[in-house]
């Protein structure tokens, strides 16, 4: 693997990790608040089910 490909792959991995590290844990109060502020039309089916389970029917 060339140095430029290795650098690009490392940068992509670092970016991905930095973006996912900031997401609150599913079911936490911060997650419920974040979902409440998000347009419900943009929710996935899993997010809607988790929201109902953790934020509505506690």
PDB file of N, CA and C in Angstrom:
ATOM      1  N   UNK A   1       0.858  -1.175   0.000  1.00  0.00           N
ATOM      2  CA  UNK A   1       0.000   0.000   0.000  1.00  0.00           C
ATOM      3  C   UNK A   1       0.898   1.230   0.000  1.00  0.00           C
ATOM      4  N   UNK A   2       0.605   2.166  -0.843  1.00  0.00           N
ATOM      5  CA  UNK A   2       1.426   3.364  -0.923  1.00  0.00           C
ATOM      6  C   UNK A   2       1.170   4.256   0.294  1.00  0.00           C
ATOM      7  N   UNK A   3       2.080   5.139   0.527  1.00  0.00           N
ATOM      8  CA  UNK A   3       1.996   6.045   1.667  1.00  0.00           C
ATOM      9  C   UNK A   3       0.770   6.943   1.580  1.00  0.00           C
ATOM     10  N   UNK A   4       0.434   7.413   0.392  1.00  0.00           N
ATOM     11  CA  UNK A   4      -0.726   8.297   0.245  1.00  0.00           C
ATOM     12  C   UNK A   4      -2.027   7.546   0.535  1.00  0.00           C
ATOM     13  N   UNK A   5      -2.121   6.277   0.107  1.00  0.00           N
ATOM     14  CA  UNK A   5      -3.313   5.485   0.396  1.00  0.00           C
ATOM     15  C   UNK A   5      -3.421   5.190   1.887  1.00  0.00           C
ATOM     16  N   UNK A   6      -2.301   4.923   2.523  1.00  0.00           N
ATOM     17  CA  UNK A   6      -2.288   4.672   3.963  1.00  0.00           C
ATOM     18  C   UNK A   6      -2.699   5.921   4.730  1.00  0.00           C
ATOM     19  N   UNK A   7      -2.209   7.055   4.306  1.00  0.00           N
ATOM     20  CA  UNK A   7      -2.559   8.322   4.953  1.00  0.00           C
ATOM     21  C   UNK A   7      -4.045   8.629   4.769  1.00  0.00           C
ATOM     22  N   UNK A   8      -4.567   8.394   3.573  1.00  0.00           N
ATOM     23  CA  UNK A   8      -5.988   8.644   3.307  1.00  0.00           C
ATOM     24  C   UNK A   8      -6.862   7.709   4.137  1.00  0.00           C
ATOM     25  N   UNK A   9      -6.503   6.446   4.226  1.00  0.00           N
ATOM     26  CA  UNK A   9      -7.273   5.486   5.015  1.00  0.00           C
ATOM     27  C   UNK A   9      -7.226   5.845   6.497  1.00  0.00           C
ATOM     28  N   UNK A  10      -6.077   6.245   6.980  1.00  0.00           N
ATOM     29  CA  UNK A  10      -5.937   6.637   8.384  1.00  0.00           C
ATOM     30  C   UNK A  10      -6.760   7.883   8.689  1.00  0.00           C
ATOM     31  N   UNK A  11      -6.761   8.827   7.784  1.00  0.00           N
ATOM     32  CA  UNK A  11      -7.535  10.051   7.976  1.00  0.00           C
ATOM     33  C   UNK A  11      -9.024   9.759   7.993  1.00  0.00           C
ATOM     34  N   UNK A  12      -9.480   8.893   7.095  1.00  0.00           N
ATOM     35  CA  UNK A  12     -10.896   8.532   7.051  1.00  0.00           C
ATOM     36  C   UNK A  12     -11.311   7.824   8.332  1.00  0.00           C
ATOM     37  N   UNK A  13     -10.477   6.936   8.825  1.00  0.00           N
ATOM     38  CA  UNK A  13     -10.773   6.220  10.070  1.00  0.00           C
ATOM     39  C   UNK A  13     -10.822   7.187  11.247  1.00  0.00           C
ATOM     40  N   UNK A  14      -9.891   8.089  11.329  1.00  0.00           N
ATOM     41  CA  UNK A  14      -9.862   9.070  12.412  1.00  0.00           C
ATOM     42  C   UNK A  14     -11.093   9.970  12.375  1.00  0.00           C
ATOM     43  N   UNK A  15     -11.497  10.396  11.194  1.00  0.00           N
ATOM     44  CA  UNK A  15     -12.689  11.235  11.055  1.00  0.00           C
ATOM     45  C   UNK A  15     -13.934  10.476  11.507  1.00  0.00           C
ATOM     46  N   UNK A  16     -14.052   9.231  11.088  1.00  0.00           N
ATOM     47  CA  UNK A  16     -15.201   8.412  11.470  1.00  0.00           C
ATOM     48  C   UNK A  16     -15.255   8.226  12.978  1.00  0.00           C
ATOM     49  N   UNK A  17     -14.142   7.915  13.588  1.00  0.00           N
ATOM     50  CA  UNK A  17     -14.105   7.728  15.037  1.00  0.00           C
ATOM     51  C   UNK A  17     -14.428   9.008  15.787  1.00  0.00           C
ATOM     52  N   UNK A  18     -13.950  10.129  15.287  1.00  0.00           N
ATOM     53  CA  UNK A  18     -14.206  11.392  15.983  1.00  0.00           C
ATOM     54  C   UNK A  18     -15.674  11.787  15.893  1.00  0.00           C
ATOM     55  N   UNK A  19     -16.339  11.455  14.804  1.00  0.00           N
ATOM     56  CA  UNK A  19     -17.756  11.793  14.669  1.00  0.00           C
ATOM     57  C   UNK A  19     -18.646  10.884  15.507  1.00  0.00           C
ATOM     58  N   UNK A  20     -18.318   9.621  15.615  1.00  0.00           N
ATOM     59  CA  UNK A  20     -19.148   8.690  16.365  1.00  0.00           C
ATOM     60  C   UNK A  20     -18.887   8.765  17.861  1.00  0.00           C
ATOM     61  N   UNK A  21     -17.749   9.259  18.259  1.00  0.00           N
ATOM     62  CA  UNK A  21     -17.418   9.325  19.677  1.00  0.00           C
ATOM     63  C   UNK A  21     -18.267  10.355  20.412  1.00  0.00           C
ATOM     64  N   UNK A  22     -18.833  11.299  19.712  1.00  0.00           N
ATOM     65  CA  UNK A  22     -19.591  12.367  20.336  1.00  0.00           C
ATOM     66  C   UNK A  22     -21.081  12.061  20.454  1.00  0.00           C
ATOM     67  N   UNK A  23     -21.523  10.999  19.858  1.00  0.00           N
ATOM     68  CA  UNK A  23     -22.949  10.664  19.882  1.00  0.00           C
ATOM     69  C   UNK A  23     -23.333  10.135  21.258  1.00  0.00           C
ATOM     70  N   UNK A  24     -24.441  10.624  21.820  1.00  0.00           N
ATOM     71  CA  UNK A  24     -24.867  10.127  23.126  1.00  0.00           C
ATOM     72  C   UNK A  24     -25.370   8.690  23.027  1.00  0.00           C
ATOM     73  N   UNK A  25     -25.302   7.978  24.130  1.00  0.00           N
ATOM     74  CA  UNK A  25     -25.738   6.586  24.175  1.00  0.00           C
ATOM     75  C   UNK A  25     -27.254   6.514  23.977  1.00  0.00           C
ATOM     76  N   UNK A  26     -27.675   5.539  23.181  1.00  0.00           N
ATOM     77  CA  UNK A  26     -29.110   5.343  22.919  1.00  0.00           C
ATOM     78  C   UNK A  26     -29.826   5.092  24.239  1.00  0.00           C
ATOM     79  N   UNK A  27     -30.897   5.829  24.468  1.00  0.00           N
ATOM     80  CA  UNK A  27     -31.685   5.685  25.682  1.00  0.00           C
ATOM     81  C   UNK A  27     -31.320   6.659  26.786  1.00  0.00           C
ATOM     82  N   UNK A  28     -30.193   7.362  26.632  1.00  0.00           N
ATOM     83  CA  UNK A  28     -29.798   8.326  27.660  1.00  0.00           C
ATOM     84  C   UNK A  28     -30.668   9.576  27.536  1.00  0.00           C
ATOM     85  N   UNK A  29     -30.673  10.381  28.583  1.00  0.00           N
ATOM     86  CA  UNK A  29     -31.451  11.620  28.549  1.00  0.00           C
ATOM     87  C   UNK A  29     -30.985  12.532  27.420  1.00  0.00           C
ATOM     88  N   UNK A  30     -29.661  12.577  27.191  1.00  0.00           N
ATOM     89  CA  UNK A  30     -29.130  13.411  26.107  1.00  0.00           C
ATOM     90  C   UNK A  30     -29.603  12.901  24.747  1.00  0.00           C
ATOM     91  N   UNK A  31     -29.655  11.583  24.596  1.00  0.00           N
ATOM     92  CA  UNK A  31     -30.126  11.004  23.336  1.00  0.00           C
ATOM     93  C   UNK A  31     -31.604  11.318  23.114  1.00  0.00           C
ATOM     94  N   UNK A  32     -32.410  11.180  24.159  1.00  0.00           N
ATOM     95  CA  UNK A  32     -33.842  11.485  24.053  1.00  0.00           C
ATOM     96  C   UNK A  32     -34.044  12.948  23.656  1.00  0.00           C
ATOM     97  N   UNK A  33     -33.269  13.832  24.256  1.00  0.00           N
ATOM     98  CA  UNK A  33     -33.374  15.255  23.934  1.00  0.00           C
ATOM     99  C   UNK A  33     -32.965  15.507  22.487  1.00  0.00           C
ATOM    100  N   UNK A  34     -31.879  14.872  22.041  1.00  0.00           N
ATOM    101  CA  UNK A  34     -31.415  15.029  20.669  1.00  0.00           C
ATOM    102  C   UNK A  34     -32.468  14.528  19.684  1.00  0.00           C
ATOM    103  N   UNK A  35     -33.097  13.404  19.980  1.00  0.00           N
ATOM    104  CA  UNK A  35     -34.121  12.855  19.090  1.00  0.00           C
ATOM    105  C   UNK A  35     -35.360  13.742  19.066  1.00  0.00           C
ATOM    106  N   UNK A  36     -35.694  14.325  20.212  1.00  0.00           N
ATOM    107  CA  UNK A  36     -36.868  15.198  20.286  1.00  0.00           C
ATOM    108  C   UNK A  36     -36.678  16.429  19.400  1.00  0.00           C
ATOM    109  N   UNK A  37     -35.441  16.910  19.293  1.00  0.00           N
ATOM    110  CA  UNK A  37     -35.135  18.088  18.487  1.00  0.00           C
ATOM    111  C   UNK A  37     -35.001  17.751  16.999  1.00  0.00           C
ATOM    112  N   UNK A  38     -34.767  16.481  16.680  1.00  0.00           N
ATOM    113  CA  UNK A  38     -34.601  16.040  15.289  1.00  0.00           C
ATOM    114  C   UNK A  38     -35.970  15.889  14.632  1.00  0.00           C
ATOM    115  N   UNK A  39     -36.085  16.253  13.366  1.00  0.00           N
ATOM    116  CA  UNK A  39     -37.330  16.088  12.624  1.00  0.00           C
ATOM    117  C   UNK A  39     -37.729  14.616  12.646  1.00  0.00           C
ATOM    118  N   UNK A  40     -38.955  14.311  13.052  1.00  0.00           N
ATOM    119  CA  UNK A  40     -39.376  12.914  13.155  1.00  0.00           C
ATOM    120  C   UNK A  40     -39.397  12.224  11.793  1.00  0.00           C
ATOM    121  N   UNK A  41     -39.521  12.958  10.728  1.00  0.00           N
ATOM    122  CA  UNK A  41     -39.470  12.373   9.391  1.00  0.00           C
ATOM    123  C   UNK A  41     -38.086  11.875   9.022  1.00  0.00           C
ATOM    124  N   UNK A  42     -37.062  12.342   9.751  1.00  0.00           N
ATOM    125  CA  UNK A  42     -35.686  11.924   9.490  1.00  0.00           C
ATOM    126  C   UNK A  42     -35.256  10.743  10.362  1.00  0.00           C
ATOM    127  N   UNK A  43     -36.122  10.279  11.239  1.00  0.00           N
ATOM    128  CA  UNK A  43     -35.794   9.157  12.109  1.00  0.00           C
ATOM    129  C   UNK A  43     -35.804   7.859  11.309  1.00  0.00           C
ATOM    130  N   UNK A  44     -34.920   6.939  11.686  1.00  0.00           N
ATOM    131  CA  UNK A  44     -34.982   5.598  11.119  1.00  0.00           C
ATOM    132  C   UNK A  44     -36.010   4.805  11.913  1.00  0.00           C
ATOM    133  N   UNK A  45     -36.381   3.642  11.404  1.00  0.00           N
ATOM    134  CA  UNK A  45     -37.335   2.794  12.121  1.00  0.00           C
ATOM    135  C   UNK A  45     -36.763   2.380  13.474  1.00  0.00           C
ATOM    136  N   UNK A  46     -35.480   2.090  13.533  1.00  0.00           N
ATOM    137  CA  UNK A  46     -34.846   1.700  14.792  1.00  0.00           C
ATOM    138  C   UNK A  46     -34.827   2.855  15.789  1.00  0.00           C
ATOM    139  N   UNK A  47     -34.560   4.058  15.292  1.00  0.00           N
ATOM    140  CA  UNK A  47     -34.560   5.227  16.177  1.00  0.00           C
ATOM    141  C   UNK A  47     -35.952   5.460  16.752  1.00  0.00           C
ATOM    142  N   UNK A  48     -36.988   5.312  15.934  1.00  0.00           N
ATOM    143  CA  UNK A  48     -38.358   5.510  16.402  1.00  0.00           C
ATOM    144  C   UNK A  48     -38.722   4.473  17.463  1.00  0.00           C
ATOM    145  N   UNK A  49     -38.338   3.229  17.236  1.00  0.00           N
ATOM    146  CA  UNK A  49     -38.621   2.173  18.207  1.00  0.00           C
ATOM    147  C   UNK A  49     -37.861   2.418  19.509  1.00  0.00           C
ATOM    148  N   UNK A  50     -36.597   2.805  19.400  1.00  0.00           N
ATOM    149  CA  UNK A  50     -35.794   3.081  20.597  1.00  0.00           C
ATOM    150  C   UNK A  50     -36.334   4.292  21.349  1.00  0.00           C
ATOM    151  N   UNK A  51     -36.781   5.312  20.617  1.00  0.00           N
ATOM    152  CA  UNK A  51     -37.344   6.501  21.257  1.00  0.00           C
ATOM    153  C   UNK A  51     -38.586   6.116  22.054  1.00  0.00           C
ATOM    154  N   UNK A  52     -39.447   5.327  21.451  1.00  0.00           N
ATOM    155  CA  UNK A  52     -40.654   4.889  22.153  1.00  0.00           C
ATOM    156  C   UNK A  52     -40.288   4.074  23.384  1.00  0.00           C
ATOM    157  N   UNK A  53     -39.324   3.182  23.244  1.00  0.00           N
ATOM    158  CA  UNK A  53     -38.935   2.289  24.345  1.00  0.00           C
ATOM    159  C   UNK A  53     -38.278   3.048  25.502  1.00  0.00           C
ATOM    160  N   UNK A  54     -37.343   3.946  25.180  1.00  0.00           N
ATOM    161  CA  UNK A  54     -36.531   4.586  26.227  1.00  0.00           C
ATOM    162  C   UNK A  54     -37.042   5.953  26.674  1.00  0.00           C
ATOM    163  N   UNK A  55     -37.742   6.657  25.804  1.00  0.00           N
ATOM    164  CA  UNK A  55     -38.129   8.030  26.129  1.00  0.00           C
ATOM    165  C   UNK A  55     -39.604   8.200  26.417  1.00  0.00           C
ATOM    166  N   UNK A  56     -40.438   7.353  25.871  1.00  0.00           N
ATOM    167  CA  UNK A  56     -41.887   7.485  26.060  1.00  0.00           C
ATOM    168  C   UNK A  56     -42.389   6.505  27.132  1.00  0.00           C
ATOM    169  N   UNK A  57     -42.038   5.235  26.959  1.00  0.00           N
ATOM    170  CA  UNK A  57     -42.528   4.190  27.852  1.00  0.00           C
ATOM    171  C   UNK A  57     -41.476   3.776  28.871  1.00  0.00           C
ATOM    172  N   UNK A  58     -40.908   4.702  29.590  1.00  0.00           N
ATOM    173  CA  UNK A  58     -39.865   4.397  30.590  1.00  0.00           C
ATOM    174  C   UNK A  58     -40.419   3.557  31.704  1.00  0.00           C
TER     175      UNK A  58
END
